[in-house]
Amino acid sequence: MLKIRLSRAGKKNMPFFRVVLTDHTKAAKHGYMEVLGFYNPISKEFKIKNLEAIKEYVSNGVQFSPRVEKLMKINNISL
């Protein structure tokens, strides 16, 4: 099953997350198929690059991780 979830990047004490499409059994850091956006927890910036691609993935059965789903609700991004 495919999931849309966060993959940590950045330096020590400077976290930065990518929103990625990955298989739920693989590691999010190295096994992702596509980068769909990013999240910076320091500045609280959440950005989706291609919302149409996410809508297509969700219509095909892809699920969000709980954290990504919460971030989308906080930032008023609806599908």
C-alpha atoms as a PDB file:
ATOM      1  CA  MET A   1       0.000   0.000   0.000  1.00  0.00           C
ATOM      2  CA  LEU A   2       1.268   3.464  -0.852  1.00  0.00           C
ATOM      3  CA  LYS A   3       1.256   6.297   1.674  1.00  0.00           C
ATOM      4  CA  ILE A   4       1.949  10.006   1.652  1.00  0.00           C
ATOM      5  CA  ARG A   5       4.135  10.760   4.660  1.00  0.00           C
ATOM      6  CA  LEU A   6       7.020  12.866   5.963  1.00  0.00           C
ATOM      7  CA  SER A   7      10.708  12.147   5.397  1.00  0.00           C
ATOM      8  CA  ARG A   8      13.188  13.962   7.652  1.00  0.00           C
ATOM      9  CA  ALA A   9      16.015  15.944   6.127  1.00  0.00           C
ATOM     10  CA  GLY A  10      18.145  18.835   7.312  1.00  0.00           C
ATOM     11  CA  LYS A  11      20.897  19.163   9.870  1.00  0.00           C
ATOM     12  CA  LYS A  12      21.041  18.404  13.552  1.00  0.00           C
ATOM     13  CA  ASN A  13      18.721  20.753  15.485  1.00  0.00           C
ATOM     14  CA  MET A  14      17.477  22.170  12.140  1.00  0.00           C
ATOM     15  CA  PRO A  15      14.737  19.745  11.032  1.00  0.00           C
ATOM     16  CA  PHE A  16      13.188  19.900   7.608  1.00  0.00           C
ATOM     17  CA  PHE A  17      10.692  17.411   6.227  1.00  0.00           C
ATOM     18  CA  ARG A  18       9.759  16.366   2.709  1.00  0.00           C
ATOM     19  CA  VAL A  19       6.250  15.184   1.922  1.00  0.00           C
ATOM     20  CA  VAL A  20       6.867  11.997  -0.045  1.00  0.00           C
ATOM     21  CA  LEU A  21       4.978   9.176  -1.723  1.00  0.00           C
ATOM     22  CA  THR A  22       6.321   5.813  -0.553  1.00  0.00           C
ATOM     23  CA  ASP A  23       5.410   2.213   0.059  1.00  0.00           C
ATOM     24  CA  HIS A  24       4.383   1.736   3.682  1.00  0.00           C
ATOM     25  CA  THR A  25       6.953  -1.032   4.216  1.00  0.00           C
ATOM     26  CA  LYS A  26       9.975   0.952   2.992  1.00  0.00           C
ATOM     27  CA  ALA A  27      11.925   3.604   4.863  1.00  0.00           C
ATOM     28  CA  ALA A  28      10.582   7.060   4.083  1.00  0.00           C
ATOM     29  CA  LYS A  29      14.066   8.536   3.970  1.00  0.00           C
ATOM     30  CA  HIS A  30      15.447   6.407   1.131  1.00  0.00           C
ATOM     31  CA  GLY A  31      12.598   4.470  -0.436  1.00  0.00           C
ATOM     32  CA  TYR A  32      10.306   7.197  -1.711  1.00  0.00           C
ATOM     33  CA  MET A  33       8.966   7.447  -5.246  1.00  0.00           C
ATOM     34  CA  GLU A  34       8.184  11.137  -5.515  1.00  0.00           C
ATOM     35  CA  VAL A  35       8.611  14.337  -3.498  1.00  0.00           C
ATOM     36  CA  LEU A  36       5.239  16.098  -3.255  1.00  0.00           C
ATOM     37  CA  GLY A  37       6.053  19.026  -0.960  1.00  0.00           C
ATOM     38  CA  PHE A  38       7.849  20.099   2.190  1.00  0.00           C
ATOM     39  CA  TYR A  39       7.300  21.117   5.822  1.00  0.00           C
ATOM     40  CA  ASN A  40       9.549  23.347   7.917  1.00  0.00           C
ATOM     41  CA  PRO A  41       8.557  22.993  11.606  1.00  0.00           C
ATOM     42  CA  ILE A  42      10.698  25.952  12.675  1.00  0.00           C
ATOM     43  CA  SER A  43       8.910  28.500  10.486  1.00  0.00           C
ATOM     44  CA  LYS A  44       5.680  26.400  10.373  1.00  0.00           C
ATOM     45  CA  GLU A  45       5.763  26.512   6.570  1.00  0.00           C
ATOM     46  CA  PHE A  46       3.899  23.707   4.804  1.00  0.00           C
ATOM     47  CA  LYS A  47       3.869  23.687   0.995  1.00  0.00           C
ATOM     48  CA  ILE A  48       2.499  21.204  -1.519  1.00  0.00           C
ATOM     49  CA  LYS A  49       4.117  21.358  -4.973  1.00  0.00           C
ATOM     50  CA  ASN A  50       1.495  19.552  -7.051  1.00  0.00           C
ATOM     51  CA  LEU A  51      -1.963  19.312  -5.498  1.00  0.00           C
ATOM     52  CA  GLU A  52      -3.454  17.721  -8.622  1.00  0.00           C
ATOM     53  CA  ALA A  53      -1.025  14.800  -8.374  1.00  0.00           C
ATOM     54  CA  ILE A  54      -2.004  14.249  -4.730  1.00  0.00           C
ATOM     55  CA  LYS A  55      -5.701  14.292  -5.663  1.00  0.00           C
ATOM     56  CA  GLU A  56      -5.028  11.665  -8.320  1.00  0.00           C
ATOM     57  CA  TYR A  57      -3.065   9.467  -5.899  1.00  0.00           C
ATOM     58  CA  VAL A  58      -5.808   9.689  -3.253  1.00  0.00           C
ATOM     59  CA  SER A  59      -8.475   8.767  -5.811  1.00  0.00           C
ATOM     60  CA  ASN A  60      -6.389   5.668  -6.608  1.00  0.00           C
ATOM     61  CA  GLY A  61      -6.316   4.559  -2.955  1.00  0.00           C
ATOM     62  CA  VAL A  62      -3.204   6.200  -1.508  1.00  0.00           C
ATOM     63  CA  GLN A  63      -3.544   7.124   2.175  1.00  0.00           C
ATOM     64  CA  PHE A  64      -2.071   9.948   4.229  1.00  0.00           C
ATOM     65  CA  SER A  65      -0.053   9.428   7.372  1.00  0.00           C
ATOM     66  CA  PRO A  66      -1.783  10.944  10.425  1.00  0.00           C
ATOM     67  CA  ARG A  67       0.740  13.810  10.634  1.00  0.00           C
ATOM     68  CA  VAL A  68       0.404  14.815   6.966  1.00  0.00           C
ATOM     69  CA  GLU A  69      -3.381  14.654   7.219  1.00  0.00           C
ATOM     70  CA  LYS A  70      -3.280  16.920  10.289  1.00  0.00           C
ATOM     71  CA  LEU A  71      -0.936  19.403   8.557  1.00  0.00           C
ATOM     72  CA  MET A  72      -3.265  19.575   5.558  1.00  0.00           C
ATOM     73  CA  LYS A  73      -6.245  20.326   7.807  1.00  0.00           C
ATOM     74  CA  ILE A  74      -4.324  23.017   9.739  1.00  0.00           C
ATOM     75  CA  ASN A  75      -3.300  24.728   6.480  1.00  0.00           C
ATOM     76  CA  ASN A  76      -6.801  24.452   4.941  1.00  0.00           C
ATOM     77  CA  ILE A  77      -5.710  22.276   2.029  1.00  0.00           C
ATOM     78  CA  SER A  78      -8.703  20.226   0.976  1.00  0.00           C
ATOM     79  CA  LEU A  79      -8.974  17.524  -1.631  1.00  0.00           C
END
